[in-house]
Amino acid sequence: MERKLMSLPPPTSIPEMEPNGTFTSNNSNGNCTIENFKKDFYPTIYLIIFIWGTLGNGFSIYVFLQSYKKSTSVNVFMLNLAISDFLFTSTLPFRADYYLRGSNWIFGDLACRIMSYSLYVNMYSSIYFLTVLSIVRFLATVHPFRRLHVTSTRSAWTLCGIIWFLIMASSAVLLNNGSERNGSVTLCLELNMRKIFKLQTMNYI
């Protein structure tokens, strides 16, 4: 009995990846790149966050300042949290412009350093303020009379000052990361191995 050989289907073409991160295929008419995704998606999201974040945090700051004389430790931490978020949202239009131009920074080296610095100052300060706020609320609930000195307004302002100082000082290493020329464009806000190492060091601190 003769063996019948099964005919195998022709090999399918596998998309190749070009050096710039673009996948090409003979069967596709268009290319989808990460840069195109950033250009189309990031600016819209950043501007939406900027509008709502500025209005929300600005209103929160106004309310907390209006009741400043009657403020509690919780209000102090919430005020500092709102200030941190407000400072961050003020940088979002610059980030939106950067990605709208196809990852091309036009605002100078100093502004690029400030952008990177402000991002991580906001991130770490928000984490610390939320953590301290949770601890203070826990102490005020479980020990409402024994921990009055911890939850006082004066102690809250002192603790906020310490948090701001430590975070701004430890994040200062990110000010060394400025803009970089890459062909016809100027890069900013991009992660590299040097910045990743600094971020890992900050996380341990």
N, C-alpha and C. Protein backbone atom coordinates (compact mmCIF):
# COMPACT_ATOMS: atom_id res chain seq x y z
N MET A 1 0.85 -1.19 0.00
CA MET A 1 0.00 0.00 0.00
C MET A 1 0.88 1.23 0.00
N GLU A 2 0.54 2.10 -0.89
CA GLU A 2 1.36 3.29 -1.01
C GLU A 2 0.92 4.33 0.02
N ARG A 3 1.90 5.01 0.52
CA ARG A 3 1.61 6.09 1.47
C ARG A 3 1.32 7.37 0.70
N LYS A 4 0.25 7.97 1.10
CA LYS A 4 -0.10 9.24 0.48
C LYS A 4 0.49 10.38 1.30
N LEU A 5 1.20 11.21 0.63
CA LEU A 5 1.82 12.36 1.30
C LEU A 5 0.81 13.49 1.39
N MET A 6 0.69 13.98 2.60
CA MET A 6 -0.21 15.11 2.81
C MET A 6 0.48 16.39 2.37
N SER A 7 -0.19 17.16 1.59
CA SER A 7 0.40 18.44 1.15
C SER A 7 0.26 19.47 2.25
N LEU A 8 1.36 20.07 2.61
CA LEU A 8 1.37 21.07 3.67
C LEU A 8 1.00 22.42 3.10
N PRO A 9 0.30 23.24 3.87
CA PRO A 9 -0.05 24.58 3.40
C PRO A 9 1.19 25.44 3.31
N PRO A 10 1.19 26.41 2.44
CA PRO A 10 2.36 27.28 2.32
C PRO A 10 2.59 28.04 3.61
N PRO A 11 3.84 28.27 3.96
CA PRO A 11 4.14 28.98 5.21
C PRO A 11 3.58 30.39 5.19
N THR A 12 3.01 30.75 6.32
CA THR A 12 2.47 32.10 6.43
C THR A 12 3.59 33.08 6.71
N SER A 13 3.43 34.26 6.21
CA SER A 13 4.45 35.30 6.42
C SER A 13 4.31 35.88 7.81
N ILE A 14 5.41 36.01 8.51
CA ILE A 14 5.43 36.54 9.87
C ILE A 14 5.86 38.00 9.81
N PRO A 15 5.10 38.89 10.45
CA PRO A 15 5.48 40.29 10.42
C PRO A 15 6.88 40.49 11.00
N GLU A 16 7.63 41.33 10.39
CA GLU A 16 8.97 41.65 10.86
C GLU A 16 8.94 42.97 11.61
N MET A 17 9.83 43.07 12.55
CA MET A 17 9.90 44.30 13.35
C MET A 17 11.08 45.13 12.90
N GLU A 18 10.79 46.36 12.51
CA GLU A 18 11.84 47.25 12.08
C GLU A 18 12.54 47.85 13.28
N PRO A 19 13.72 48.43 13.08
CA PRO A 19 14.46 49.00 14.21
C PRO A 19 13.70 50.07 14.96
N ASN A 20 12.79 50.79 14.32
CA ASN A 20 12.06 51.85 15.01
C ASN A 20 10.84 51.34 15.76
N GLY A 21 10.68 50.02 15.83
CA GLY A 21 9.58 49.45 16.60
C GLY A 21 8.32 49.26 15.80
N THR A 22 8.38 49.37 14.46
CA THR A 22 7.21 49.22 13.61
C THR A 22 7.11 47.80 13.10
N PHE A 23 5.93 47.20 13.19
CA PHE A 23 5.70 45.87 12.66
C PHE A 23 5.18 46.01 11.23
N THR A 24 5.84 45.31 10.31
CA THR A 24 5.43 45.38 8.91
C THR A 24 4.98 44.01 8.46
N SER A 25 4.02 43.97 7.59
CA SER A 25 3.52 42.71 7.06
C SER A 25 3.05 42.94 5.63
N ASN A 26 3.24 41.92 4.79
CA ASN A 26 2.81 42.02 3.41
C ASN A 26 1.29 42.06 3.29
N ASN A 27 0.59 41.55 4.34
CA ASN A 27 -0.86 41.47 4.28
C ASN A 27 -1.54 42.69 4.90
N SER A 28 -0.77 43.59 5.47
CA SER A 28 -1.36 44.75 6.13
C SER A 28 -1.08 46.00 5.32
N ASN A 29 -2.04 46.90 5.34
CA ASN A 29 -1.89 48.14 4.58
C ASN A 29 -1.34 49.28 5.42
N GLY A 30 -1.39 49.15 6.74
CA GLY A 30 -0.91 50.24 7.59
C GLY A 30 -0.04 49.71 8.70
N ASN A 31 0.71 50.57 9.29
CA ASN A 31 1.62 50.22 10.37
C ASN A 31 1.10 50.82 11.68
N CYS A 32 1.22 50.02 12.73
CA CYS A 32 0.80 50.46 14.05
C CYS A 32 2.03 50.56 14.93
N THR A 33 2.35 51.73 15.36
CA THR A 33 3.54 51.94 16.17
C THR A 33 3.16 52.51 17.52
N ILE A 34 4.06 52.35 18.46
CA ILE A 34 3.85 52.91 19.79
C ILE A 34 3.81 54.43 19.72
N GLU A 35 4.66 55.00 18.88
CA GLU A 35 4.69 56.46 18.76
C GLU A 35 3.37 57.01 18.24
N ASN A 36 2.77 56.33 17.28
CA ASN A 36 1.47 56.77 16.78
C ASN A 36 0.40 56.68 17.86
N PHE A 37 0.48 55.63 18.67
CA PHE A 37 -0.47 55.48 19.77
C PHE A 37 -0.32 56.63 20.77
N LYS A 38 0.92 56.96 21.11
CA LYS A 38 1.16 58.07 22.03
C LYS A 38 0.63 59.38 21.46
N LYS A 39 0.89 59.60 20.19
CA LYS A 39 0.49 60.86 19.54
C LYS A 39 -1.02 61.01 19.48
N ASP A 40 -1.73 59.92 19.26
CA ASP A 40 -3.18 59.98 19.12
C ASP A 40 -3.92 59.91 20.45
N PHE A 41 -3.33 59.23 21.44
CA PHE A 41 -4.05 58.91 22.67
C PHE A 41 -3.64 59.80 23.84
N TYR A 42 -2.35 59.97 24.07
CA TYR A 42 -1.86 60.68 25.24
C TYR A 42 -2.35 62.12 25.34
N PRO A 43 -2.26 62.94 24.28
CA PRO A 43 -2.67 64.34 24.41
C PRO A 43 -4.12 64.50 24.86
N THR A 44 -5.01 63.69 24.31
CA THR A 44 -6.42 63.79 24.69
C THR A 44 -6.63 63.47 26.16
N ILE A 45 -6.01 62.38 26.61
CA ILE A 45 -6.15 61.98 28.01
C ILE A 45 -5.54 63.02 28.94
N TYR A 46 -4.37 63.52 28.60
CA TYR A 46 -3.71 64.52 29.44
C TYR A 46 -4.54 65.80 29.56
N LEU A 47 -5.13 66.24 28.46
CA LEU A 47 -5.92 67.47 28.50
C LEU A 47 -7.21 67.29 29.30
N ILE A 48 -7.81 66.11 29.20
CA ILE A 48 -9.01 65.84 30.01
C ILE A 48 -8.66 65.85 31.49
N ILE A 49 -7.56 65.18 31.85
CA ILE A 49 -7.13 65.16 33.25
C ILE A 49 -6.77 66.56 33.71
N PHE A 50 -6.14 67.34 32.82
CA PHE A 50 -5.76 68.71 33.18
C PHE A 50 -6.98 69.56 33.52
N ILE A 51 -8.01 69.48 32.70
CA ILE A 51 -9.21 70.30 32.92
C ILE A 51 -9.90 69.91 34.22
N TRP A 52 -10.19 68.62 34.37
CA TRP A 52 -10.91 68.18 35.56
C TRP A 52 -10.03 68.25 36.81
N GLY A 53 -8.75 67.93 36.66
CA GLY A 53 -7.86 67.99 37.81
C GLY A 53 -7.64 69.40 38.31
N THR A 54 -7.50 70.34 37.39
CA THR A 54 -7.30 71.74 37.78
C THR A 54 -8.54 72.29 38.47
N LEU A 55 -9.72 72.00 37.91
CA LEU A 55 -10.96 72.48 38.52
C LEU A 55 -11.19 71.83 39.89
N GLY A 56 -11.02 70.51 39.95
CA GLY A 56 -11.28 69.80 41.20
C GLY A 56 -10.32 70.16 42.30
N ASN A 57 -9.03 70.14 42.00
CA ASN A 57 -8.03 70.45 43.02
C ASN A 57 -8.04 71.93 43.38
N GLY A 58 -8.28 72.79 42.38
CA GLY A 58 -8.38 74.22 42.68
C GLY A 58 -9.54 74.53 43.61
N PHE A 59 -10.67 73.89 43.37
CA PHE A 59 -11.83 74.08 44.25
C PHE A 59 -11.55 73.54 45.64
N SER A 60 -10.88 72.39 45.72
CA SER A 60 -10.55 71.81 47.03
C SER A 60 -9.62 72.72 47.82
N ILE A 61 -8.62 73.27 47.16
CA ILE A 61 -7.70 74.19 47.83
C ILE A 61 -8.45 75.41 48.34
N TYR A 62 -9.36 75.93 47.53
CA TYR A 62 -10.15 77.10 47.93
C TYR A 62 -10.99 76.79 49.17
N VAL A 63 -11.64 75.64 49.20
CA VAL A 63 -12.49 75.27 50.33
C VAL A 63 -11.66 75.10 51.59
N PHE A 64 -10.52 74.42 51.48
CA PHE A 64 -9.68 74.19 52.66
C PHE A 64 -9.11 75.50 53.19
N LEU A 65 -8.75 76.42 52.32
CA LEU A 65 -8.21 77.70 52.76
C LEU A 65 -9.29 78.59 53.38
N GLN A 66 -10.52 78.46 52.92
CA GLN A 66 -11.61 79.25 53.48
C GLN A 66 -11.87 78.88 54.93
N SER A 67 -11.71 77.61 55.25
CA SER A 67 -11.94 77.14 56.62
C SER A 67 -10.62 76.89 57.34
N TYR A 68 -9.60 77.71 57.01
CA TYR A 68 -8.26 77.48 57.55
C TYR A 68 -8.24 77.60 59.08
N LYS A 69 -8.94 78.59 59.63
CA LYS A 69 -8.90 78.81 61.07
C LYS A 69 -9.57 77.67 61.84
N LYS A 70 -10.48 76.98 61.19
CA LYS A 70 -11.17 75.87 61.85
C LYS A 70 -10.69 74.52 61.32
N SER A 71 -9.55 74.52 60.69
CA SER A 71 -9.07 73.29 60.05
C SER A 71 -8.61 72.27 61.08
N THR A 72 -8.70 71.01 60.71
CA THR A 72 -8.22 69.90 61.52
C THR A 72 -6.99 69.29 60.84
N SER A 73 -6.42 68.30 61.48
CA SER A 73 -5.25 67.65 60.89
C SER A 73 -5.61 66.98 59.57
N VAL A 74 -6.83 66.45 59.49
CA VAL A 74 -7.27 65.83 58.24
C VAL A 74 -7.33 66.86 57.12
N ASN A 75 -7.84 68.05 57.42
CA ASN A 75 -7.90 69.11 56.42
C ASN A 75 -6.50 69.53 55.96
N VAL A 76 -5.56 69.53 56.88
CA VAL A 76 -4.18 69.90 56.54
C VAL A 76 -3.59 68.91 55.55
N PHE A 77 -3.76 67.63 55.83
CA PHE A 77 -3.23 66.61 54.91
C PHE A 77 -3.95 66.65 53.57
N MET A 78 -5.26 66.86 53.59
CA MET A 78 -6.02 66.95 52.35
C MET A 78 -5.61 68.17 51.54
N LEU A 79 -5.33 69.27 52.21
CA LEU A 79 -4.88 70.48 51.52
C LEU A 79 -3.55 70.25 50.83
N ASN A 80 -2.61 69.64 51.52
CA ASN A 80 -1.31 69.36 50.92
C ASN A 80 -1.42 68.36 49.78
N LEU A 81 -2.32 67.40 49.91
CA LEU A 81 -2.54 66.44 48.83
C LEU A 81 -3.11 67.15 47.60
N ALA A 82 -4.04 68.07 47.81
CA ALA A 82 -4.62 68.82 46.69
C ALA A 82 -3.58 69.72 46.04
N ILE A 83 -2.71 70.33 46.83
CA ILE A 83 -1.65 71.18 46.27
C ILE A 83 -0.70 70.35 45.42
N SER A 84 -0.34 69.17 45.91
CA SER A 84 0.54 68.28 45.16
C SER A 84 -0.07 67.90 43.81
N ASP A 85 -1.34 67.54 43.82
CA ASP A 85 -2.01 67.16 42.58
C ASP A 85 -2.19 68.35 41.64
N PHE A 86 -2.45 69.52 42.22
CA PHE A 86 -2.63 70.73 41.40
C PHE A 86 -1.33 71.10 40.69
N LEU A 87 -0.21 70.99 41.38
CA LEU A 87 1.08 71.28 40.75
C LEU A 87 1.37 70.30 39.62
N PHE A 88 0.97 69.05 39.80
CA PHE A 88 1.20 68.07 38.74
C PHE A 88 0.33 68.34 37.52
N THR A 89 -0.95 68.61 37.75
CA THR A 89 -1.85 68.84 36.61
C THR A 89 -1.45 70.07 35.80
N SER A 90 -0.77 71.02 36.43
CA SER A 90 -0.33 72.21 35.70
C SER A 90 0.74 71.89 34.67
N THR A 91 1.37 70.73 34.77
CA THR A 91 2.40 70.34 33.80
C THR A 91 1.84 69.52 32.64
N LEU A 92 0.60 69.10 32.74
CA LEU A 92 0.05 68.20 31.72
C LEU A 92 -0.07 68.82 30.33
N PRO A 93 -0.39 70.11 30.18
CA PRO A 93 -0.41 70.67 28.81
C PRO A 93 0.93 70.56 28.10
N PHE A 94 2.03 70.68 28.84
CA PHE A 94 3.35 70.54 28.23
C PHE A 94 3.59 69.10 27.78
N ARG A 95 3.12 68.16 28.58
CA ARG A 95 3.25 66.76 28.20
C ARG A 95 2.39 66.44 26.97
N ALA A 96 1.20 67.00 26.94
CA ALA A 96 0.32 66.79 25.79
C ALA A 96 0.95 67.34 24.52
N ASP A 97 1.56 68.51 24.61
CA ASP A 97 2.22 69.11 23.45
C ASP A 97 3.39 68.25 22.98
N TYR A 98 4.12 67.68 23.93
CA TYR A 98 5.28 66.84 23.60
C TYR A 98 4.87 65.64 22.76
N TYR A 99 3.84 64.94 23.18
CA TYR A 99 3.41 63.75 22.44
C TYR A 99 2.64 64.12 21.17
N LEU A 100 1.97 65.27 21.17
CA LEU A 100 1.27 65.71 19.97
C LEU A 100 2.25 66.02 18.84
N ARG A 101 3.45 66.42 19.19
CA ARG A 101 4.49 66.70 18.20
C ARG A 101 5.30 65.46 17.84
N GLY A 102 4.84 64.30 18.28
CA GLY A 102 5.57 63.07 17.97
C GLY A 102 6.79 62.88 18.83
N SER A 103 6.65 63.12 20.15
CA SER A 103 7.76 62.99 21.11
C SER A 103 8.90 63.95 20.76
N ASN A 104 8.55 65.20 20.60
CA ASN A 104 9.53 66.25 20.30
C ASN A 104 9.35 67.38 21.30
N TRP A 105 10.36 67.62 22.13
CA TRP A 105 10.29 68.62 23.20
C TRP A 105 10.83 69.95 22.70
N ILE A 106 10.06 71.03 22.88
CA ILE A 106 10.45 72.34 22.35
C ILE A 106 10.60 73.40 23.44
N PHE A 107 10.45 73.01 24.70
CA PHE A 107 10.43 73.99 25.78
C PHE A 107 11.75 74.14 26.52
N GLY A 108 12.79 73.54 26.02
CA GLY A 108 14.10 73.72 26.62
C GLY A 108 14.48 72.65 27.62
N ASP A 109 15.77 72.61 27.93
CA ASP A 109 16.30 71.56 28.80
C ASP A 109 15.82 71.72 30.24
N LEU A 110 15.79 72.95 30.74
CA LEU A 110 15.39 73.17 32.13
C LEU A 110 13.95 72.74 32.37
N ALA A 111 13.06 73.09 31.46
CA ALA A 111 11.65 72.69 31.61
C ALA A 111 11.51 71.17 31.57
N CYS A 112 12.33 70.50 30.77
CA CYS A 112 12.29 69.04 30.71
C CYS A 112 12.67 68.43 32.06
N ARG A 113 13.69 68.98 32.68
CA ARG A 113 14.11 68.48 33.99
C ARG A 113 13.00 68.68 35.03
N ILE A 114 12.34 69.83 34.96
CA ILE A 114 11.27 70.11 35.90
C ILE A 114 10.10 69.16 35.70
N MET A 115 9.80 68.81 34.45
CA MET A 115 8.71 67.89 34.16
C MET A 115 8.95 66.53 34.81
N SER A 116 10.14 65.99 34.62
CA SER A 116 10.47 64.69 35.21
C SER A 116 10.46 64.76 36.73
N TYR A 117 10.99 65.85 37.26
CA TYR A 117 11.06 66.03 38.70
C TYR A 117 9.67 66.12 39.32
N SER A 118 8.79 66.93 38.72
CA SER A 118 7.46 67.15 39.28
C SER A 118 6.61 65.88 39.27
N LEU A 119 6.81 65.04 38.25
CA LEU A 119 6.03 63.81 38.17
C LEU A 119 6.26 62.93 39.38
N TYR A 120 7.51 62.71 39.75
CA TYR A 120 7.82 61.79 40.84
C TYR A 120 7.64 62.45 42.20
N VAL A 121 7.78 63.77 42.28
CA VAL A 121 7.46 64.46 43.53
C VAL A 121 5.98 64.30 43.84
N ASN A 122 5.15 64.48 42.83
CA ASN A 122 3.71 64.30 43.03
C ASN A 122 3.37 62.85 43.39
N MET A 123 3.98 61.91 42.72
CA MET A 123 3.66 60.50 42.96
C MET A 123 4.00 60.10 44.39
N TYR A 124 5.21 60.42 44.83
CA TYR A 124 5.63 60.00 46.16
C TYR A 124 4.94 60.81 47.25
N SER A 125 4.74 62.10 47.04
CA SER A 125 4.07 62.91 48.05
C SER A 125 2.62 62.46 48.23
N SER A 126 1.95 62.11 47.14
CA SER A 126 0.57 61.62 47.25
C SER A 126 0.52 60.33 48.05
N ILE A 127 1.47 59.44 47.81
CA ILE A 127 1.51 58.18 48.56
C ILE A 127 1.69 58.44 50.05
N TYR A 128 2.62 59.33 50.39
CA TYR A 128 2.90 59.60 51.80
C TYR A 128 1.75 60.32 52.48
N PHE A 129 1.15 61.29 51.80
CA PHE A 129 0.04 62.02 52.41
C PHE A 129 -1.16 61.11 52.63
N LEU A 130 -1.45 60.24 51.68
CA LEU A 130 -2.56 59.31 51.85
C LEU A 130 -2.28 58.30 52.96
N THR A 131 -1.02 57.87 53.06
CA THR A 131 -0.65 56.93 54.13
C THR A 131 -0.80 57.56 55.50
N VAL A 132 -0.25 58.77 55.65
CA VAL A 132 -0.34 59.47 56.93
C VAL A 132 -1.79 59.79 57.27
N LEU A 133 -2.56 60.16 56.27
CA LEU A 133 -3.97 60.46 56.49
C LEU A 133 -4.72 59.24 57.01
N SER A 134 -4.41 58.08 56.46
CA SER A 134 -5.04 56.84 56.92
C SER A 134 -4.65 56.52 58.35
N ILE A 135 -3.38 56.72 58.68
CA ILE A 135 -2.92 56.44 60.04
C ILE A 135 -3.57 57.38 61.05
N VAL A 136 -3.64 58.66 60.70
CA VAL A 136 -4.24 59.65 61.60
C VAL A 136 -5.72 59.34 61.83
N ARG A 137 -6.43 58.97 60.79
CA ARG A 137 -7.84 58.64 60.96
C ARG A 137 -8.01 57.38 61.80
N PHE A 138 -7.09 56.44 61.65
CA PHE A 138 -7.14 55.22 62.47
C PHE A 138 -6.93 55.56 63.94
N LEU A 139 -5.93 56.39 64.23
CA LEU A 139 -5.65 56.76 65.62
C LEU A 139 -6.79 57.58 66.21
N ALA A 140 -7.36 58.46 65.40
CA ALA A 140 -8.46 59.28 65.91
C ALA A 140 -9.70 58.45 66.20
N THR A 141 -9.85 57.34 65.49
CA THR A 141 -11.02 56.48 65.70
C THR A 141 -10.82 55.51 66.85
N VAL A 142 -9.65 54.89 66.90
CA VAL A 142 -9.39 53.88 67.93
C VAL A 142 -9.02 54.51 69.26
N HIS A 143 -8.23 55.59 69.22
CA HIS A 143 -7.79 56.26 70.45
C HIS A 143 -8.15 57.75 70.36
N PRO A 144 -9.42 58.09 70.49
CA PRO A 144 -9.84 59.48 70.28
C PRO A 144 -9.31 60.46 71.32
N PHE A 145 -8.93 60.00 72.50
CA PHE A 145 -8.47 60.90 73.55
C PHE A 145 -7.00 60.75 73.87
N ARG A 146 -6.44 59.60 73.61
CA ARG A 146 -5.04 59.35 73.97
C ARG A 146 -4.07 59.88 72.94
N ARG A 147 -4.49 60.14 71.71
CA ARG A 147 -3.58 60.53 70.64
C ARG A 147 -3.89 61.94 70.11
N LEU A 148 -4.35 62.82 70.97
CA LEU A 148 -4.70 64.16 70.51
C LEU A 148 -3.49 64.93 70.01
N HIS A 149 -2.32 64.70 70.61
CA HIS A 149 -1.13 65.43 70.18
C HIS A 149 -0.67 65.00 68.80
N VAL A 150 -0.97 63.76 68.44
CA VAL A 150 -0.58 63.27 67.12
C VAL A 150 -1.48 63.86 66.04
N THR A 151 -2.76 64.02 66.36
CA THR A 151 -3.71 64.50 65.37
C THR A 151 -3.95 66.00 65.46
N SER A 152 -3.11 66.73 66.13
CA SER A 152 -3.27 68.18 66.23
C SER A 152 -2.86 68.84 64.92
N THR A 153 -3.37 70.05 64.71
CA THR A 153 -3.07 70.78 63.47
C THR A 153 -1.60 71.14 63.38
N ARG A 154 -1.02 71.51 64.49
CA ARG A 154 0.41 71.88 64.49
C ARG A 154 1.27 70.69 64.11
N SER A 155 0.97 69.53 64.66
CA SER A 155 1.74 68.32 64.31
C SER A 155 1.54 67.96 62.85
N ALA A 156 0.34 68.19 62.33
CA ALA A 156 0.07 67.88 60.93
C ALA A 156 0.90 68.75 60.00
N TRP A 157 0.97 70.06 60.28
CA TRP A 157 1.78 70.95 59.45
C TRP A 157 3.27 70.60 59.53
N THR A 158 3.72 70.24 60.71
CA THR A 158 5.13 69.84 60.87
C THR A 158 5.43 68.59 60.06
N LEU A 159 4.54 67.61 60.14
CA LEU A 159 4.73 66.37 59.40
C LEU A 159 4.67 66.60 57.89
N CYS A 160 3.78 67.47 57.45
CA CYS A 160 3.70 67.79 56.02
C CYS A 160 4.98 68.45 55.53
N GLY A 161 5.53 69.35 56.35
CA GLY A 161 6.78 69.99 55.98
C GLY A 161 7.92 68.99 55.85
N ILE A 162 7.96 68.02 56.77
CA ILE A 162 9.00 66.99 56.71
C ILE A 162 8.84 66.14 55.46
N ILE A 163 7.60 65.78 55.14
CA ILE A 163 7.34 64.96 53.94
C ILE A 163 7.77 65.70 52.68
N TRP A 164 7.39 66.97 52.55
CA TRP A 164 7.78 67.75 51.38
C TRP A 164 9.29 67.84 51.25
N PHE A 165 9.95 68.09 52.37
CA PHE A 165 11.41 68.24 52.33
C PHE A 165 12.09 66.94 51.91
N LEU A 166 11.70 65.83 52.51
CA LEU A 166 12.34 64.55 52.21
C LEU A 166 12.11 64.14 50.76
N ILE A 167 10.90 64.31 50.28
CA ILE A 167 10.59 63.88 48.91
C ILE A 167 11.28 64.78 47.89
N MET A 168 11.25 66.08 48.10
CA MET A 168 11.89 66.99 47.15
C MET A 168 13.40 66.82 47.15
N ALA A 169 13.96 66.52 48.32
CA ALA A 169 15.41 66.32 48.39
C ALA A 169 15.82 65.01 47.73
N SER A 170 15.08 63.94 48.01
CA SER A 170 15.44 62.63 47.45
C SER A 170 15.17 62.57 45.95
N SER A 171 14.22 63.36 45.46
CA SER A 171 13.90 63.36 44.03
C SER A 171 14.80 64.29 43.23
N ALA A 172 15.68 65.02 43.91
CA ALA A 172 16.53 66.00 43.23
C ALA A 172 17.46 65.34 42.22
N VAL A 173 17.75 64.05 42.40
CA VAL A 173 18.64 63.36 41.45
C VAL A 173 18.03 63.32 40.05
N LEU A 174 16.70 63.42 39.97
CA LEU A 174 16.04 63.39 38.67
C LEU A 174 16.22 64.69 37.90
N LEU A 175 16.68 65.74 38.56
CA LEU A 175 16.95 67.00 37.87
C LEU A 175 18.15 66.88 36.94
N ASN A 176 18.92 65.81 37.10
CA ASN A 176 20.07 65.61 36.21
C ASN A 176 19.66 65.07 34.84
N ASN A 177 18.42 64.61 34.73
CA ASN A 177 17.95 64.03 33.46
C ASN A 177 17.23 65.10 32.65
N GLY A 178 17.93 65.64 31.67
CA GLY A 178 17.35 66.66 30.82
C GLY A 178 16.95 66.11 29.47
N SER A 179 16.79 67.00 28.52
CA SER A 179 16.40 66.60 27.17
C SER A 179 17.60 66.04 26.41
N GLU A 180 17.32 65.21 25.41
CA GLU A 180 18.36 64.59 24.60
C GLU A 180 17.99 64.67 23.13
N ARG A 181 18.97 64.98 22.31
CA ARG A 181 18.75 65.03 20.87
C ARG A 181 18.77 63.63 20.29
N ASN A 182 17.80 63.36 19.43
CA ASN A 182 17.73 62.07 18.74
C ASN A 182 17.35 62.35 17.28
N GLY A 183 18.34 62.59 16.49
CA GLY A 183 18.09 62.94 15.10
C GLY A 183 17.51 64.33 14.98
N SER A 184 16.33 64.43 14.41
CA SER A 184 15.69 65.73 14.20
C SER A 184 14.76 66.13 15.33
N VAL A 185 14.63 65.29 16.36
CA VAL A 185 13.73 65.59 17.47
C VAL A 185 14.51 65.67 18.77
N THR A 186 13.90 66.29 19.76
CA THR A 186 14.47 66.39 21.10
C THR A 186 13.60 65.58 22.05
N LEU A 187 14.19 64.57 22.65
CA LEU A 187 13.43 63.67 23.53
C LEU A 187 13.40 64.20 24.96
N CYS A 188 12.30 63.93 25.62
CA CYS A 188 12.14 64.25 27.03
C CYS A 188 11.10 63.28 27.59
N LEU A 189 11.07 63.14 28.91
CA LEU A 189 10.07 62.28 29.56
C LEU A 189 10.20 60.82 29.16
N GLU A 190 11.36 60.43 28.67
CA GLU A 190 11.58 59.04 28.26
C GLU A 190 12.44 58.33 29.29
N LEU A 191 12.08 57.09 29.59
CA LEU A 191 12.86 56.29 30.54
C LEU A 191 14.10 55.72 29.86
N ASN A 192 15.21 55.74 30.56
CA ASN A 192 16.42 55.07 30.12
C ASN A 192 17.00 54.32 31.31
N MET A 193 18.05 53.57 31.08
CA MET A 193 18.62 52.74 32.14
C MET A 193 19.12 53.59 33.31
N ARG A 194 19.66 54.76 33.00
CA ARG A 194 20.16 55.62 34.08
C ARG A 194 19.03 56.12 34.96
N LYS A 195 17.91 56.52 34.34
CA LYS A 195 16.77 56.99 35.12
C LYS A 195 16.12 55.85 35.89
N ILE A 196 16.05 54.67 35.29
CA ILE A 196 15.47 53.52 35.97
C ILE A 196 16.27 53.18 37.22
N PHE A 197 17.59 53.25 37.14
CA PHE A 197 18.43 52.97 38.30
C PHE A 197 18.17 53.99 39.41
N LYS A 198 18.00 55.25 39.04
CA LYS A 198 17.73 56.28 40.05
C LYS A 198 16.37 56.06 40.70
N LEU A 199 15.39 55.65 39.91
CA LEU A 199 14.07 55.39 40.47
C LEU A 199 14.09 54.20 41.41
N GLN A 200 14.84 53.18 41.07
CA GLN A 200 14.96 52.03 41.96
C GLN A 200 15.61 52.43 43.27
N THR A 201 16.61 53.29 43.20
CA THR A 201 17.27 53.78 44.41
C THR A 201 16.30 54.57 45.28
N MET A 202 15.49 55.43 44.65
CA MET A 202 14.50 56.21 45.39
C MET A 202 13.46 55.31 46.04
N ASN A 203 13.06 54.25 45.37
CA ASN A 203 12.06 53.34 45.95
C ASN A 203 12.59 52.67 47.21
N TYR A 204 13.87 52.33 47.21
CA TYR A 204 14.45 51.73 48.41
C TYR A 204 14.54 52.75 49.54
N ILE A 205 14.81 54.00 49.18
CA ILE A 205 14.89 55.05 50.20
C ILE A 205 13.51 55.30 50.82
